[in-house]
Amino acid sequence: MCINSNNTALDNVTHVTSPNNVWNSPKSASAMHNGGLAYEYFRNTHNRNSLNGQGGTIISVINVTEDDGTQMDNAFWNGQLMAYGNGNQLCDRPLAAGLDVAGHEMTHGVIENNGAGGLEYMGQSGALNESFADIFGCMIDRDDWLVGEDIINNAVIPSGALRSMSNPHNGASSPSTFYWQPENMSEYQNLSSNQDNGGVHINSGIPNKAFYLYATAVTKIKPSAFITAP
């Protein structure tokens, strides 16, 4: 199901419909297409039928803004739905256009519907939660080991991706650069709880790199054969 937030922070939503199966909204088409590919991956590869494993409805919402109405450089899972902003400065395309973005957010939904796998969204357990979302995002979008390469503004991040699983430093020289991530525990960032929930989006680079090393050693096919989806 696709919902239009009509450039609000989920305050004025309408159901995207068509009486003749003609769809004139590229954003809704992208959200449904990429969400469908993510659904099919979990269904066909891991025998998981939707987020809850029981064929539950998957809701994608387009044209979501920040609370103050500004365009949003983000996509998120809020416990019930996947929300996509249209980009602002960090992203120069609607985030619904990214297959790995859809795979990432849908994986958060799968994790939450599985009791979050016991992963509190804080510190190291939260970084594992984010890493699993990146891992499945890259298993769904198999073109590369990058996250967000289809929607990122290259003028803001010269590497051309929001995150890189093969090189978590992502072209940055130090942790002070917002798109840098550590690639091993010697670079782990010990952050307070009010800094990205203890660094969940930052320290996820460590397990991301570990999975990349493993998966490139055995190819992307083998992990899909025996990884049990959360």
Protein backbone atom coordinates (compact mmCIF):
# COMPACT_ATOMS: atom_id res chain seq x y z
CA MET A 1 0.00 0.00 0.00
CA CYS A 2 1.29 3.48 -0.92
CA ILE A 3 0.31 6.58 1.02
CA ASN A 4 0.96 10.22 0.10
CA SER A 5 1.90 12.44 3.04
CA ASN A 6 1.34 15.50 0.82
CA ASN A 7 4.48 17.27 2.01
CA THR A 8 3.67 16.97 5.70
CA ALA A 9 5.22 15.09 8.59
CA LEU A 10 2.59 12.33 8.27
CA ASP A 11 -0.11 14.85 9.21
CA ASN A 12 -2.17 14.87 6.00
CA VAL A 13 -2.01 11.46 4.38
CA THR A 14 -4.07 10.14 1.48
CA HIS A 15 -4.15 6.73 -0.15
CA VAL A 16 -2.51 6.65 -3.60
CA THR A 17 -5.04 5.04 -5.92
CA SER A 18 -5.84 4.78 -9.62
CA PRO A 19 -9.22 3.89 -11.17
CA ASN A 20 -7.59 2.59 -14.36
CA ASN A 21 -4.22 1.24 -13.20
CA VAL A 22 -2.41 4.23 -14.71
CA TRP A 23 0.11 5.67 -12.27
CA ASN A 24 1.34 9.19 -12.82
CA SER A 25 3.43 9.53 -9.66
CA PRO A 26 7.04 8.35 -10.15
CA LYS A 27 7.60 8.49 -6.38
CA SER A 28 4.72 6.16 -5.59
CA ALA A 29 5.77 3.84 -8.43
CA SER A 30 9.33 3.75 -7.07
CA ALA A 31 8.15 3.11 -3.52
CA MET A 32 5.91 0.24 -4.57
CA HIS A 33 8.40 -1.24 -7.05
CA ASN A 34 11.35 -1.19 -4.66
CA GLY A 35 9.21 -2.26 -1.71
CA GLY A 36 7.93 -5.13 -3.85
CA LEU A 37 11.45 -6.26 -4.74
CA ALA A 38 12.40 -6.19 -1.05
CA TYR A 39 9.28 -8.18 -0.18
CA GLU A 40 10.06 -10.75 -2.88
CA TYR A 41 13.62 -11.13 -1.60
CA PHE A 42 12.46 -12.00 1.91
CA ARG A 43 9.68 -14.22 0.57
CA ASN A 44 11.68 -16.14 -2.04
CA THR A 45 15.06 -16.28 -0.33
CA HIS A 46 14.12 -16.60 3.34
CA ASN A 47 10.51 -17.83 3.12
CA ARG A 48 9.32 -14.85 5.17
CA ASN A 49 5.91 -13.59 4.08
CA SER A 50 5.94 -9.84 4.71
CA LEU A 51 7.24 -7.97 7.74
CA ASN A 52 5.36 -10.01 10.30
CA GLY A 53 5.90 -13.32 8.50
CA GLN A 54 2.13 -13.70 8.07
CA GLY A 55 1.42 -11.68 4.96
CA GLY A 56 0.78 -8.40 6.77
CA THR A 57 0.20 -5.18 4.84
CA ILE A 58 3.33 -3.20 3.98
CA ILE A 59 2.82 0.57 4.01
CA SER A 60 5.10 2.96 2.13
CA VAL A 61 4.59 6.71 2.55
CA ILE A 62 5.99 9.25 0.07
CA ASN A 63 6.39 13.05 0.28
CA VAL A 64 7.20 13.02 3.99
CA THR A 65 8.77 16.18 5.44
CA GLU A 66 10.41 17.18 8.70
CA ASP A 67 8.14 18.35 11.51
CA ASP A 68 8.64 21.98 10.45
CA GLY A 69 7.67 21.25 6.86
CA THR A 70 11.14 21.35 5.31
CA GLN A 71 12.04 18.66 2.81
CA MET A 72 13.57 15.59 4.43
CA ASP A 73 16.98 14.05 3.67
CA ASN A 74 15.90 10.79 5.24
CA ALA A 75 13.81 7.65 5.15
CA PHE A 76 12.71 5.80 8.25
CA TRP A 77 10.72 2.95 9.74
CA ASN A 78 8.46 4.22 12.55
CA GLY A 79 7.13 0.91 13.82
CA GLN A 80 4.20 0.80 11.41
CA LEU A 81 5.35 2.09 8.04
CA MET A 82 8.25 3.06 5.80
CA ALA A 83 8.46 6.82 5.24
CA TYR A 84 10.39 8.47 2.43
CA GLY A 85 11.50 12.07 2.16
CA ASN A 86 12.19 13.79 -1.15
CA GLY A 87 15.72 14.91 -0.38
CA ASN A 88 17.01 18.34 0.45
CA GLN A 89 20.79 18.87 0.52
CA LEU A 90 22.26 15.45 1.31
CA CYS A 91 20.03 13.70 -1.21
CA ASP A 92 19.15 15.08 -4.63
CA ARG A 93 16.49 12.49 -5.49
CA PRO A 94 13.45 11.17 -3.58
CA LEU A 95 14.64 8.44 -1.23
CA ALA A 96 11.93 6.09 -2.51
CA ALA A 97 14.08 5.77 -5.65
CA GLY A 98 16.74 3.77 -3.79
CA LEU A 99 16.27 0.00 -3.79
CA ASP A 100 18.80 -0.43 -0.99
CA VAL A 101 16.98 2.30 0.97
CA ALA A 102 13.72 0.35 0.68
CA GLY A 103 15.53 -2.86 1.63
CA HIS A 104 17.13 -1.16 4.63
CA GLU A 105 13.86 0.24 5.97
CA MET A 106 11.92 -2.96 5.32
CA THR A 107 14.56 -4.89 7.24
CA HIS A 108 13.97 -2.62 10.23
CA GLY A 109 10.33 -3.65 9.99
CA VAL A 110 11.25 -7.33 9.85
CA ILE A 111 13.56 -6.92 12.85
CA GLU A 112 10.89 -5.13 14.90
CA ASN A 113 8.25 -7.70 14.02
CA ASN A 114 10.65 -10.34 15.28
CA GLY A 115 10.84 -8.70 18.70
CA ALA A 116 13.80 -6.59 17.52
CA GLY A 117 15.93 -9.69 17.89
CA GLY A 118 16.66 -8.55 21.44
CA LEU A 119 18.55 -5.58 20.00
CA GLU A 120 17.96 -2.44 22.05
CA TYR A 121 18.26 0.54 19.69
CA MET A 122 21.22 1.98 21.55
CA GLY A 123 25.00 1.63 21.46
CA GLN A 124 26.46 -1.59 20.11
CA SER A 125 23.16 -3.48 19.88
CA GLY A 126 21.64 -0.56 17.98
CA ALA A 127 24.65 -0.53 15.64
CA LEU A 128 24.02 -4.22 14.94
CA ASN A 129 20.38 -3.38 14.18
CA GLU A 130 21.51 -0.74 11.67
CA SER A 131 24.13 -3.06 10.22
CA PHE A 132 21.61 -5.83 9.62
CA ALA A 133 19.44 -3.29 7.77
CA ASP A 134 22.41 -2.29 5.59
CA ILE A 135 23.40 -5.92 5.01
CA PHE A 136 19.96 -6.96 3.80
CA GLY A 137 19.71 -3.73 1.81
CA CYS A 138 22.86 -4.73 -0.07
CA MET A 139 21.67 -8.31 -0.46
CA ILE A 140 18.50 -6.97 -2.10
CA ASP A 141 20.30 -4.36 -4.24
CA ARG A 142 23.19 -6.48 -5.51
CA ASP A 143 24.83 -3.99 -7.83
CA ASP A 144 27.48 -2.96 -5.31
CA TRP A 145 28.39 -2.65 -1.63
CA LEU A 146 27.17 0.91 -1.28
CA VAL A 147 24.14 2.30 0.54
CA GLY A 148 22.25 5.24 -0.92
CA GLU A 149 24.34 5.62 -4.07
CA ASP A 150 21.22 6.15 -6.20
CA ILE A 151 19.83 9.06 -4.18
CA ILE A 152 22.87 10.82 -2.70
CA ASN A 153 24.09 14.26 -3.74
CA ASN A 154 27.66 13.68 -4.91
CA ALA A 155 28.51 17.32 -4.27
CA VAL A 156 27.93 16.71 -0.55
CA ILE A 157 29.54 13.25 -0.30
CA PRO A 158 32.24 12.91 -2.98
CA SER A 159 32.38 9.11 -2.61
CA GLY A 160 28.88 9.00 -4.06
CA ALA A 161 27.25 6.94 -1.31
CA LEU A 162 25.83 7.45 2.13
CA ARG A 163 27.75 4.43 3.44
CA SER A 164 30.24 1.96 2.00
CA MET A 165 30.41 -1.56 3.36
CA SER A 166 33.72 -2.27 1.63
CA ASN A 167 35.30 0.96 2.88
CA PRO A 168 33.40 2.36 5.87
CA HIS A 169 35.68 5.42 5.92
CA ASN A 170 33.76 6.27 2.73
CA GLY A 171 36.39 8.63 1.38
CA ALA A 172 36.57 10.68 4.59
CA SER A 173 39.77 11.26 6.53
CA SER A 174 38.54 11.41 10.12
CA PRO A 175 35.59 10.68 12.44
CA SER A 176 34.75 14.38 12.39
CA THR A 177 33.34 13.93 8.88
CA PHE A 178 29.69 12.95 9.18
CA TYR A 179 29.79 10.16 6.56
CA TRP A 180 32.89 8.44 8.03
CA GLN A 181 32.41 5.12 9.86
CA PRO A 182 34.88 2.93 11.75
CA GLU A 183 35.86 -0.33 10.09
CA ASN A 184 37.19 -2.21 13.14
CA MET A 185 36.88 -2.11 16.93
CA SER A 186 40.09 -0.10 17.32
CA GLU A 187 38.16 2.78 15.70
CA TYR A 188 34.96 2.27 17.72
CA GLN A 189 33.33 5.56 18.68
CA ASN A 190 32.23 5.62 22.32
CA LEU A 191 29.43 8.17 22.14
CA SER A 192 26.84 9.35 24.63
CA SER A 193 23.25 8.19 24.36
CA ASN A 194 22.14 11.52 22.92
CA GLN A 195 24.60 11.25 20.03
CA ASP A 196 22.89 9.11 17.41
CA ASN A 197 21.62 6.81 20.17
CA GLY A 198 25.19 6.04 21.11
CA GLY A 199 26.42 5.91 17.51
CA VAL A 200 24.05 3.37 15.95
CA HIS A 201 24.54 4.76 12.44
CA ILE A 202 28.26 5.29 12.99
CA ASN A 203 29.54 2.09 14.58
CA SER A 204 27.47 -0.05 12.21
CA GLY A 205 30.44 0.29 9.87
CA ILE A 206 32.31 -2.34 11.90
CA PRO A 207 29.89 -5.26 11.36
CA ASN A 208 29.24 -3.95 7.84
CA LYS A 209 32.92 -4.39 6.96
CA ALA A 210 33.00 -7.82 8.63
CA PHE A 211 30.05 -8.99 6.53
CA TYR A 212 31.57 -7.54 3.37
CA LEU A 213 34.79 -9.49 3.95
CA TYR A 214 32.83 -12.68 4.55
CA ALA A 215 30.39 -12.26 1.66
CA THR A 216 33.05 -11.36 -0.89
CA ALA A 217 34.98 -14.46 0.13
CA VAL A 218 32.02 -16.77 -0.49
CA THR A 219 30.01 -14.56 -2.98
CA LYS A 220 26.63 -12.97 -2.31
CA ILE A 221 24.81 -16.16 -3.29
CA LYS A 222 25.97 -18.27 -0.34
CA PRO A 223 24.92 -15.87 2.44
CA SER A 224 21.43 -15.80 0.94
CA ALA A 225 21.31 -19.57 1.04
CA PHE A 226 21.63 -19.91 4.78
CA ILE A 227 21.22 -16.55 6.52
CA THR A 228 17.95 -16.70 8.44
CA ALA A 229 16.09 -13.42 8.11
CA PRO A 230 15.35 -11.82 11.49
